[in-house]
Every structure is written in structure tokens, then in C-alpha cells.
């Protein structure tokens, strides 16, 4: 299992939001490129980048900054936020991004997902963001009536690289990962799952290892890395070494 640092971009800065609310941000760096380098130097094997402004307006806002980030580091980058058409997908992938993340597009335009997977197999990730088990779209502003598990099942066998499952109500809150919902999503599909939302302690990463047989291949960590609650090097060691055990206080 891999630990993936999150790099969320808002108006050119590296921030973290609380429950996806654009008006509740914590700024952690004015230089996202240097922050990306920092995570790489500390052992990150992959970087999760989200264009928050793009997610809201429905088109890329930080495209040039994201290209600068991908050129500055040697680890692969996955990018989401504001990706709504095949041209944008192709532009990102041709500029050095390894995976594109589609969320709202999956709910509103299934054909786009199908075409993207056909043209770029294993380079498309489906983001399933949920509130109370229901799919949330448009930068988490709108909650649909569709169950997250049902959406995951719809894309079985399509050639997705992975599903990122995020509990929006826990994201950025440090209240802990939604273990049960993550497990349900992983067991409902053969698509690899990356857990996200609320991870606050290294013990949770150790716990997630139990879901590897169900298809959980990684975990995205954001605020806890920036505040120092989780040390990236330690988290990576725990994720990779089942023999490592955490002493609780």
C-alpha cells in the first residue's frame, strides 16, 4: 500500500479545506512547487494534486502551475479538479501527468469516462466523493441521490486505474477515515481503491493494511502531514512493512 500526499491548489497556494468548503481554508505554502519537492524528498512515491478552483468553475484553473509541478519532480502525479472533456484529459496526460481524476464528469457524462478509458487505459481514476453515502459533485457542493457503492459498480470492467473514495464530511477534519464505507466500496468492485478523507493518525494507515486483500492499494493524506500529526517517512514505512507496529500511548 502507498501513502500519497495531497497537494490542493487554491489561487496559486497550497491549502487544505474543511469538508470541501472553499471559504474554510488553511494555507500551508505559497509555493506549491517547493512543497511538491518537499514530499518527494521525504519519500513520497506519488502525488495527489487537486485544482480546487477548477473543480468549482468546471475547467482547469491551475494548468500551468500543475505542469510546473510535474516537471519539478520525478514521482508520478495524479490530477483532479475541473476536468470535464477529452481535450483537457489529453492535454494533462501529454504534459507529464500520469493519471487524471474524474469525478463530476462521471456522474454527468458517463460517455466521457468510457472514451477516456478507451483512449488512455489505466490512466483514468474515478473520484467518488460522498456525504452520508451519497455521491457529491461540483466541488462537493451538490449531493445527489445516487449511492457511492452503486456508482462504483457502474464502472466495473471499464479499465479504470483506481477509485479514490473520499468521505467529504471527514475530509480535512482530522476525525479519522470512514473505515466501514471504504471497506464497502472496496468489496463492491474489483477496481483498486485509494482511501481518502480524515486520516489523522498513523494507526489508521496500519489499520488500512487489513483492507489490502479487498483491493485498497493506497491512502491519501493531507492536513495531518502539513500539521505534523503524521510523519510521511514513518507512514510510508508502516504502509509497506506489515511487521511494523505502533505503540499507542
C-alpha atoms as a PDB file:
ATOM      1  CA  UNK A   1       0.000   0.000   0.000  1.00  0.00           C
ATOM      2  CA  UNK A   2       1.235   3.503  -0.812  1.00  0.00           C
ATOM      3  CA  UNK A   3       0.857   6.766   1.111  1.00  0.00           C
ATOM      4  CA  UNK A   4       0.037   9.676  -1.203  1.00  0.00           C
ATOM      5  CA  UNK A   5       0.499  13.278  -0.025  1.00  0.00           C
ATOM      6  CA  UNK A   6      -2.244  15.669  -1.121  1.00  0.00           C
ATOM      7  CA  UNK A   7      -1.404  18.983  -2.732  1.00  0.00           C
ATOM      8  CA  UNK A   8      -4.561  21.092  -3.029  1.00  0.00           C
ATOM      9  CA  UNK A   9      -4.291  24.265  -5.076  1.00  0.00           C
ATOM     10  CA  UNK A  10      -6.385  27.372  -4.496  1.00  0.00           C
ATOM     11  CA  UNK A  11      -5.477  30.681  -6.102  1.00  0.00           C
ATOM     12  CA  UNK A  12      -1.878  29.598  -6.561  1.00  0.00           C
ATOM     13  CA  UNK A  13      -1.317  28.455  -2.996  1.00  0.00           C
ATOM     14  CA  UNK A  14      -1.151  25.091  -1.265  1.00  0.00           C
ATOM     15  CA  UNK A  15      -4.163  24.836   1.056  1.00  0.00           C
ATOM     16  CA  UNK A  16      -6.379  22.403   2.909  1.00  0.00           C
ATOM     17  CA  UNK A  17     -10.123  22.846   3.171  1.00  0.00           C
ATOM     18  CA  UNK A  18     -12.519  21.683   5.878  1.00  0.00           C
ATOM     19  CA  UNK A  19     -15.245  19.427   4.455  1.00  0.00           C
ATOM     20  CA  UNK A  20     -14.530  20.798   0.999  1.00  0.00           C
ATOM     21  CA  UNK A  21     -15.695  24.315   1.893  1.00  0.00           C
ATOM     22  CA  UNK A  22     -13.895  26.910  -0.195  1.00  0.00           C
ATOM     23  CA  UNK A  23     -14.383  29.561   2.489  1.00  0.00           C
ATOM     24  CA  UNK A  24     -12.716  27.421   5.176  1.00  0.00           C
ATOM     25  CA  UNK A  25      -9.120  27.098   4.104  1.00  0.00           C
ATOM     26  CA  UNK A  26      -5.785  26.745   5.835  1.00  0.00           C
ATOM     27  CA  UNK A  27      -2.823  27.954   3.775  1.00  0.00           C
ATOM     28  CA  UNK A  28       0.276  25.788   4.170  1.00  0.00           C
ATOM     29  CA  UNK A  29       2.511  27.120   1.417  1.00  0.00           C
ATOM     30  CA  UNK A  30       2.704  29.991  -1.013  1.00  0.00           C
ATOM     31  CA  UNK A  31       4.947  27.834  -3.210  1.00  0.00           C
ATOM     32  CA  UNK A  32       3.271  24.554  -4.254  1.00  0.00           C
ATOM     33  CA  UNK A  33       6.236  23.564  -6.427  1.00  0.00           C
ATOM     34  CA  UNK A  34       8.577  23.618  -3.440  1.00  0.00           C
ATOM     35  CA  UNK A  35       6.003  21.712  -1.400  1.00  0.00           C
ATOM     36  CA  UNK A  36       5.866  19.022  -4.077  1.00  0.00           C
ATOM     37  CA  UNK A  37       9.647  18.748  -3.962  1.00  0.00           C
ATOM     38  CA  UNK A  38       9.475  18.509  -0.168  1.00  0.00           C
ATOM     39  CA  UNK A  39       7.174  15.491  -0.267  1.00  0.00           C
ATOM     40  CA  UNK A  40       9.311  13.806  -2.900  1.00  0.00           C
ATOM     41  CA  UNK A  41      12.451  14.323  -0.791  1.00  0.00           C
ATOM     42  CA  UNK A  42      10.641  12.773   2.165  1.00  0.00           C
ATOM     43  CA  UNK A  43       9.929   9.575   0.296  1.00  0.00           C
ATOM     44  CA  UNK A  44       6.620  10.115  -1.490  1.00  0.00           C
ATOM     45  CA  UNK A  45       6.194   7.771  -4.450  1.00  0.00           C
ATOM     46  CA  UNK A  46       3.178   9.576  -5.873  1.00  0.00           C
ATOM     47  CA  UNK A  47       1.498  12.964  -5.507  1.00  0.00           C
ATOM     48  CA  UNK A  48      -2.205  13.777  -5.429  1.00  0.00           C
ATOM     49  CA  UNK A  49      -2.888  17.238  -6.886  1.00  0.00           C
ATOM     50  CA  UNK A  50      -6.305  18.890  -6.914  1.00  0.00           C
ATOM     51  CA  UNK A  51      -7.224  22.100  -8.713  1.00  0.00           C
ATOM     52  CA  UNK A  52      -9.819  23.358  -6.229  1.00  0.00           C
ATOM     53  CA  UNK A  53     -10.730  26.421  -8.245  1.00  0.00           C
ATOM     54  CA  UNK A  54     -11.046  24.239 -11.315  1.00  0.00           C
ATOM     55  CA  UNK A  55     -13.411  21.872  -9.508  1.00  0.00           C
ATOM     56  CA  UNK A  56     -15.753  24.767  -8.780  1.00  0.00           C
ATOM     57  CA  UNK A  57     -15.680  26.518 -12.158  1.00  0.00           C
ATOM     58  CA  UNK A  58     -15.679  23.310 -14.208  1.00  0.00           C
ATOM     59  CA  UNK A  59     -12.438  23.872 -16.127  1.00  0.00           C
ATOM     60  CA  UNK A  60      -8.716  23.961 -15.269  1.00  0.00           C
ATOM     61  CA  UNK A  61      -7.589  26.991 -13.293  1.00  0.00           C
ATOM     62  CA  UNK A  62      -4.054  25.933 -12.333  1.00  0.00           C
ATOM     63  CA  UNK A  63      -2.978  24.129 -15.509  1.00  0.00           C
ATOM     64  CA  UNK A  64       0.346  25.969 -15.909  1.00  0.00           C
ATOM     65  CA  UNK A  65       1.179  25.536 -12.205  1.00  0.00           C
ATOM     66  CA  UNK A  66       0.386  21.827 -12.370  1.00  0.00           C
ATOM     67  CA  UNK A  67       2.640  21.438 -15.403  1.00  0.00           C
ATOM     68  CA  UNK A  68       5.392  23.203 -13.465  1.00  0.00           C
ATOM     69  CA  UNK A  69       4.918  20.786 -10.564  1.00  0.00           C
ATOM     70  CA  UNK A  70       5.121  17.689 -12.785  1.00  0.00           C
ATOM     71  CA  UNK A  71       8.347  18.963 -14.371  1.00  0.00           C
ATOM     72  CA  UNK A  72       9.907  19.765 -10.997  1.00  0.00           C
ATOM     73  CA  UNK A  73       9.609  16.267  -9.529  1.00  0.00           C
ATOM     74  CA  UNK A  74      10.343  12.724 -10.675  1.00  0.00           C
ATOM     75  CA  UNK A  75       7.467  10.898  -8.993  1.00  0.00           C
ATOM     76  CA  UNK A  76       4.157  10.355 -10.843  1.00  0.00           C
ATOM     77  CA  UNK A  77       1.325  12.826 -10.345  1.00  0.00           C
ATOM     78  CA  UNK A  78      -2.425  12.304 -10.362  1.00  0.00           C
ATOM     79  CA  UNK A  79      -4.528  15.397 -11.048  1.00  0.00           C
ATOM     80  CA  UNK A  80      -8.187  16.220 -10.492  1.00  0.00           C
ATOM     81  CA  UNK A  81     -10.418  19.266 -10.493  1.00  0.00           C
ATOM     82  CA  UNK A  82     -12.225  20.839 -13.428  1.00  0.00           C
ATOM     83  CA  UNK A  83     -11.572  18.028 -15.908  1.00  0.00           C
ATOM     84  CA  UNK A  84     -14.756  17.787 -17.970  1.00  0.00           C
ATOM     85  CA  UNK A  85     -13.726  16.879 -21.516  1.00  0.00           C
ATOM     86  CA  UNK A  86     -11.398  14.634 -23.511  1.00  0.00           C
ATOM     87  CA  UNK A  87      -9.264  17.539 -24.719  1.00  0.00           C
ATOM     88  CA  UNK A  88      -8.404  18.536 -21.149  1.00  0.00           C
ATOM     89  CA  UNK A  89      -7.578  14.921 -20.308  1.00  0.00           C
ATOM     90  CA  UNK A  90      -5.279  14.629 -23.320  1.00  0.00           C
ATOM     91  CA  UNK A  91      -3.587  17.938 -22.531  1.00  0.00           C
ATOM     92  CA  UNK A  92      -2.820  16.910 -18.963  1.00  0.00           C
ATOM     93  CA  UNK A  93      -1.553  13.450 -19.886  1.00  0.00           C
ATOM     94  CA  UNK A  94       0.633  14.778 -22.693  1.00  0.00           C
ATOM     95  CA  UNK A  95       2.157  17.372 -20.350  1.00  0.00           C
ATOM     96  CA  UNK A  96       3.528  14.804 -17.898  1.00  0.00           C
ATOM     97  CA  UNK A  97       0.588  13.997 -15.607  1.00  0.00           C
ATOM     98  CA  UNK A  98       0.393  10.223 -15.063  1.00  0.00           C
ATOM     99  CA  UNK A  99      -3.300   9.947 -14.133  1.00  0.00           C
ATOM    100  CA  UNK A 100      -6.324  12.202 -14.487  1.00  0.00           C
ATOM    101  CA  UNK A 101      -9.065  12.089 -11.880  1.00  0.00           C
ATOM    102  CA  UNK A 102     -12.686  12.403 -12.979  1.00  0.00           C
ATOM    103  CA  UNK A 103     -15.494  12.999 -10.502  1.00  0.00           C
ATOM    104  CA  UNK A 104     -18.381  15.218 -11.547  1.00  0.00           C
ATOM    105  CA  UNK A 105     -17.807  14.134 -15.138  1.00  0.00           C
ATOM    106  CA  UNK A 106     -18.551  10.540 -14.181  1.00  0.00           C
ATOM    107  CA  UNK A 107     -21.969  11.437 -12.852  1.00  0.00           C
ATOM    108  CA  UNK A 108     -22.912  13.842 -15.624  1.00  0.00           C
ATOM    109  CA  UNK A 109     -21.228  12.252 -18.632  1.00  0.00           C
ATOM    110  CA  UNK A 110     -20.597   8.523 -18.472  1.00  0.00           C
ATOM    111  CA  UNK A 111     -19.578   8.505 -22.135  1.00  0.00           C
ATOM    112  CA  UNK A 112     -16.611  10.726 -21.302  1.00  0.00           C
ATOM    113  CA  UNK A 113     -15.320   8.153 -18.836  1.00  0.00           C
ATOM    114  CA  UNK A 114     -15.787   5.358 -21.364  1.00  0.00           C
ATOM    115  CA  UNK A 115     -13.982   7.276 -24.094  1.00  0.00           C
ATOM    116  CA  UNK A 116     -11.176   8.360 -21.753  1.00  0.00           C
ATOM    117  CA  UNK A 117     -10.580   4.785 -20.601  1.00  0.00           C
ATOM    118  CA  UNK A 118     -10.582   3.577 -24.214  1.00  0.00           C
ATOM    119  CA  UNK A 119      -8.082   6.212 -25.327  1.00  0.00           C
ATOM    120  CA  UNK A 120      -5.952   6.182 -22.174  1.00  0.00           C
ATOM    121  CA  UNK A 121      -6.299   2.779 -20.475  1.00  0.00           C
ATOM    122  CA  UNK A 122      -5.178   2.609 -16.834  1.00  0.00           C
ATOM    123  CA  UNK A 123      -4.573   6.362 -16.744  1.00  0.00           C
ATOM    124  CA  UNK A 124      -8.016   7.415 -15.557  1.00  0.00           C
ATOM    125  CA  UNK A 125      -9.039   7.457 -11.894  1.00  0.00           C
ATOM    126  CA  UNK A 126     -12.648   7.785 -10.745  1.00  0.00           C
ATOM    127  CA  UNK A 127     -13.163  10.041  -7.725  1.00  0.00           C
ATOM    128  CA  UNK A 128     -16.184   9.099  -5.679  1.00  0.00           C
ATOM    129  CA  UNK A 129     -16.847  11.794  -3.116  1.00  0.00           C
ATOM    130  CA  UNK A 130     -19.689  11.133  -0.721  1.00  0.00           C
ATOM    131  CA  UNK A 131     -21.744  12.732   2.014  1.00  0.00           C
ATOM    132  CA  UNK A 132     -23.753  10.286   4.060  1.00  0.00           C
ATOM    133  CA  UNK A 133     -23.033   7.617   1.473  1.00  0.00           C
ATOM    134  CA  UNK A 134     -24.453   9.737  -1.388  1.00  0.00           C
ATOM    135  CA  UNK A 135     -22.329  10.964  -4.293  1.00  0.00           C
ATOM    136  CA  UNK A 136     -21.308  14.643  -4.056  1.00  0.00           C
ATOM    137  CA  UNK A 137     -20.429  16.585  -7.208  1.00  0.00           C
ATOM    138  CA  UNK A 138     -19.328  20.040  -8.468  1.00  0.00           C
ATOM    139  CA  UNK A 139     -16.556  20.524  -5.958  1.00  0.00           C
ATOM    140  CA  UNK A 140     -18.662  18.743  -3.292  1.00  0.00           C
ATOM    141  CA  UNK A 141     -21.306  21.486  -3.383  1.00  0.00           C
ATOM    142  CA  UNK A 142     -24.182  19.301  -4.628  1.00  0.00           C
ATOM    143  CA  UNK A 143     -25.257  15.955  -3.151  1.00  0.00           C
ATOM    144  CA  UNK A 144     -27.065  13.530  -5.453  1.00  0.00           C
ATOM    145  CA  UNK A 145     -29.442  10.680  -4.640  1.00  0.00           C
ATOM    146  CA  UNK A 146     -27.002   8.084  -6.007  1.00  0.00           C
ATOM    147  CA  UNK A 147     -25.280   5.759  -3.555  1.00  0.00           C
ATOM    148  CA  UNK A 148     -21.495   5.770  -3.776  1.00  0.00           C
ATOM    149  CA  UNK A 149     -21.363   1.980  -3.978  1.00  0.00           C
ATOM    150  CA  UNK A 150     -23.798   1.950  -6.903  1.00  0.00           C
ATOM    151  CA  UNK A 151     -21.660   4.440  -8.828  1.00  0.00           C
ATOM    152  CA  UNK A 152     -18.555   2.320  -8.257  1.00  0.00           C
ATOM    153  CA  UNK A 153     -20.290  -0.772  -9.618  1.00  0.00           C
ATOM    154  CA  UNK A 154     -21.338   1.058 -12.784  1.00  0.00           C
ATOM    155  CA  UNK A 155     -17.723   1.361 -13.903  1.00  0.00           C
ATOM    156  CA  UNK A 156     -16.687  -2.233 -13.335  1.00  0.00           C
ATOM    157  CA  UNK A 157     -14.558  -3.604 -16.169  1.00  0.00           C
ATOM    158  CA  UNK A 158     -14.117  -0.265 -17.917  1.00  0.00           C
ATOM    159  CA  UNK A 159     -10.349  -0.060 -17.491  1.00  0.00           C
ATOM    160  CA  UNK A 160     -10.071   2.478 -14.679  1.00  0.00           C
ATOM    161  CA  UNK A 161      -6.743   2.648 -12.880  1.00  0.00           C
ATOM    162  CA  UNK A 162      -8.403   3.129  -9.481  1.00  0.00           C
ATOM    163  CA  UNK A 163     -11.223   4.654  -7.476  1.00  0.00           C
ATOM    164  CA  UNK A 164     -10.482   7.355  -4.921  1.00  0.00           C
ATOM    165  CA  UNK A 165     -13.167   7.244  -2.243  1.00  0.00           C
ATOM    166  CA  UNK A 166     -13.495  10.330  -0.051  1.00  0.00           C
ATOM    167  CA  UNK A 167     -15.894  10.939   2.812  1.00  0.00           C
ATOM    168  CA  UNK A 168     -16.411  14.679   2.348  1.00  0.00           C
ATOM    169  CA  UNK A 169     -17.675  15.235   5.882  1.00  0.00           C
ATOM    170  CA  UNK A 170     -14.403  13.892   7.286  1.00  0.00           C
ATOM    171  CA  UNK A 171     -12.036  15.472   4.783  1.00  0.00           C
ATOM    172  CA  UNK A 172      -9.728  17.993   6.432  1.00  0.00           C
ATOM    173  CA  UNK A 173     -11.376  17.482   9.826  1.00  0.00           C
ATOM    174  CA  UNK A 174      -8.895  15.049  11.384  1.00  0.00           C
ATOM    175  CA  UNK A 175     -11.762  12.873  12.621  1.00  0.00           C
ATOM    176  CA  UNK A 176     -10.473   9.653  11.121  1.00  0.00           C
ATOM    177  CA  UNK A 177     -11.074   7.696   7.953  1.00  0.00           C
ATOM    178  CA  UNK A 178     -14.532   6.284   7.213  1.00  0.00           C
ATOM    179  CA  UNK A 179     -13.363   2.704   7.600  1.00  0.00           C
ATOM    180  CA  UNK A 180     -16.702   0.945   7.046  1.00  0.00           C
ATOM    181  CA  UNK A 181     -17.633   2.853   3.899  1.00  0.00           C
ATOM    182  CA  UNK A 182     -14.161   2.416   2.457  1.00  0.00           C
ATOM    183  CA  UNK A 183     -14.377  -1.305   3.097  1.00  0.00           C
ATOM    184  CA  UNK A 184     -17.815  -1.493   1.477  1.00  0.00           C
ATOM    185  CA  UNK A 185     -16.623   0.308  -1.646  1.00  0.00           C
ATOM    186  CA  UNK A 186     -13.537  -1.903  -1.943  1.00  0.00           C
ATOM    187  CA  UNK A 187     -15.554  -5.091  -1.559  1.00  0.00           C
ATOM    188  CA  UNK A 188     -18.212  -3.984  -4.045  1.00  0.00           C
ATOM    189  CA  UNK A 189     -15.849  -3.797  -7.030  1.00  0.00           C
ATOM    190  CA  UNK A 190     -12.664  -5.293  -8.423  1.00  0.00           C
ATOM    191  CA  UNK A 191     -11.339  -1.797  -9.225  1.00  0.00           C
ATOM    192  CA  UNK A 192      -8.427  -0.854  -6.916  1.00  0.00           C
ATOM    193  CA  UNK A 193      -9.425   1.657  -4.237  1.00  0.00           C
ATOM    194  CA  UNK A 194      -7.479   4.560  -2.753  1.00  0.00           C
ATOM    195  CA  UNK A 195      -8.819   5.720   0.620  1.00  0.00           C
ATOM    196  CA  UNK A 196      -9.162   9.412   1.433  1.00  0.00           C
ATOM    197  CA  UNK A 197     -10.724  11.826   3.888  1.00  0.00           C
ATOM    198  CA  UNK A 198      -9.938  12.484   7.534  1.00  0.00           C
ATOM    199  CA  UNK A 199      -6.804  10.399   8.078  1.00  0.00           C
ATOM    200  CA  UNK A 200      -5.256  11.806  11.249  1.00  0.00           C
ATOM    201  CA  UNK A 201      -3.057   9.114  12.823  1.00  0.00           C
ATOM    202  CA  UNK A 202      -0.510   6.580  11.604  1.00  0.00           C
ATOM    203  CA  UNK A 203      -2.541   3.874  13.346  1.00  0.00           C
ATOM    204  CA  UNK A 204      -5.223   4.348  10.700  1.00  0.00           C
ATOM    205  CA  UNK A 205      -2.707   3.579   7.977  1.00  0.00           C
ATOM    206  CA  UNK A 206      -1.702   0.407   9.769  1.00  0.00           C
ATOM    207  CA  UNK A 207      -5.386  -0.488  10.093  1.00  0.00           C
ATOM    208  CA  UNK A 208      -5.924   0.090   6.370  1.00  0.00           C
ATOM    209  CA  UNK A 209      -3.434  -2.682   5.599  1.00  0.00           C
ATOM    210  CA  UNK A 210      -6.170  -5.109   6.631  1.00  0.00           C
ATOM    211  CA  UNK A 211      -8.125  -3.969   3.557  1.00  0.00           C
ATOM    212  CA  UNK A 212      -5.349  -4.697   1.072  1.00  0.00           C
ATOM    213  CA  UNK A 213      -6.836  -8.130   0.274  1.00  0.00           C
ATOM    214  CA  UNK A 214     -10.096  -6.329  -0.567  1.00  0.00           C
ATOM    215  CA  UNK A 215      -8.339  -4.082  -3.080  1.00  0.00           C
ATOM    216  CA  UNK A 216      -7.291  -0.980  -1.115  1.00  0.00           C
ATOM    217  CA  UNK A 217      -3.968  -0.020  -2.686  1.00  0.00           C
ATOM    218  CA  UNK A 218      -3.264   3.369  -1.128  1.00  0.00           C
ATOM    219  CA  UNK A 219      -4.297   6.240   1.106  1.00  0.00           C
ATOM    220  CA  UNK A 220      -4.254   9.984   0.504  1.00  0.00           C
ATOM    221  CA  UNK A 221      -3.134  12.090   3.452  1.00  0.00           C
ATOM    222  CA  UNK A 222      -3.457  15.852   3.582  1.00  0.00           C
ATOM    223  CA  UNK A 223      -3.842  18.049   6.654  1.00  0.00           C
ATOM    224  CA  UNK A 224      -2.227  15.548   9.044  1.00  0.00           C
ATOM    225  CA  UNK A 225       1.009  15.735   7.039  1.00  0.00           C
ATOM    226  CA  UNK A 226       1.012  19.511   6.974  1.00  0.00           C
ATOM    227  CA  UNK A 227       0.360  19.858  10.701  1.00  0.00           C
ATOM    228  CA  UNK A 228       2.905  17.205  11.617  1.00  0.00           C
ATOM    229  CA  UNK A 229       0.420  14.764  13.154  1.00  0.00           C
ATOM    230  CA  UNK A 230       1.657  12.202  10.665  1.00  0.00           C
ATOM    231  CA  UNK A 231       5.284  11.881   9.602  1.00  0.00           C
ATOM    232  CA  UNK A 232       5.443  10.864   5.956  1.00  0.00           C
ATOM    233  CA  UNK A 233       8.532   8.673   6.281  1.00  0.00           C
ATOM    234  CA  UNK A 234       7.020   6.778   9.202  1.00  0.00           C
ATOM    235  CA  UNK A 235       3.697   6.414   7.413  1.00  0.00           C
ATOM    236  CA  UNK A 236       5.397   5.000   4.318  1.00  0.00           C
ATOM    237  CA  UNK A 237       7.321   2.503   6.428  1.00  0.00           C
ATOM    238  CA  UNK A 238       4.123   1.347   8.127  1.00  0.00           C
ATOM    239  CA  UNK A 239       2.264   1.066   4.827  1.00  0.00           C
ATOM    240  CA  UNK A 240       4.989  -1.094   3.327  1.00  0.00           C
ATOM    241  CA  UNK A 241       6.053  -3.229   6.275  1.00  0.00           C
ATOM    242  CA  UNK A 242       3.427  -5.387   7.934  1.00  0.00           C
ATOM    243  CA  UNK A 243       5.941  -6.202  10.653  1.00  0.00           C
ATOM    244  CA  UNK A 244       5.932  -2.609  11.898  1.00  0.00           C
ATOM    245  CA  UNK A 245       3.632  -1.991  14.853  1.00  0.00           C
ATOM    246  CA  UNK A 246       2.676   1.284  16.514  1.00  0.00           C
ATOM    247  CA  UNK A 247       2.884   1.715  20.263  1.00  0.00           C
ATOM    248  CA  UNK A 248      -0.185   3.578  21.446  1.00  0.00           C
ATOM    249  CA  UNK A 249       0.001   5.940  24.402  1.00  0.00           C
END
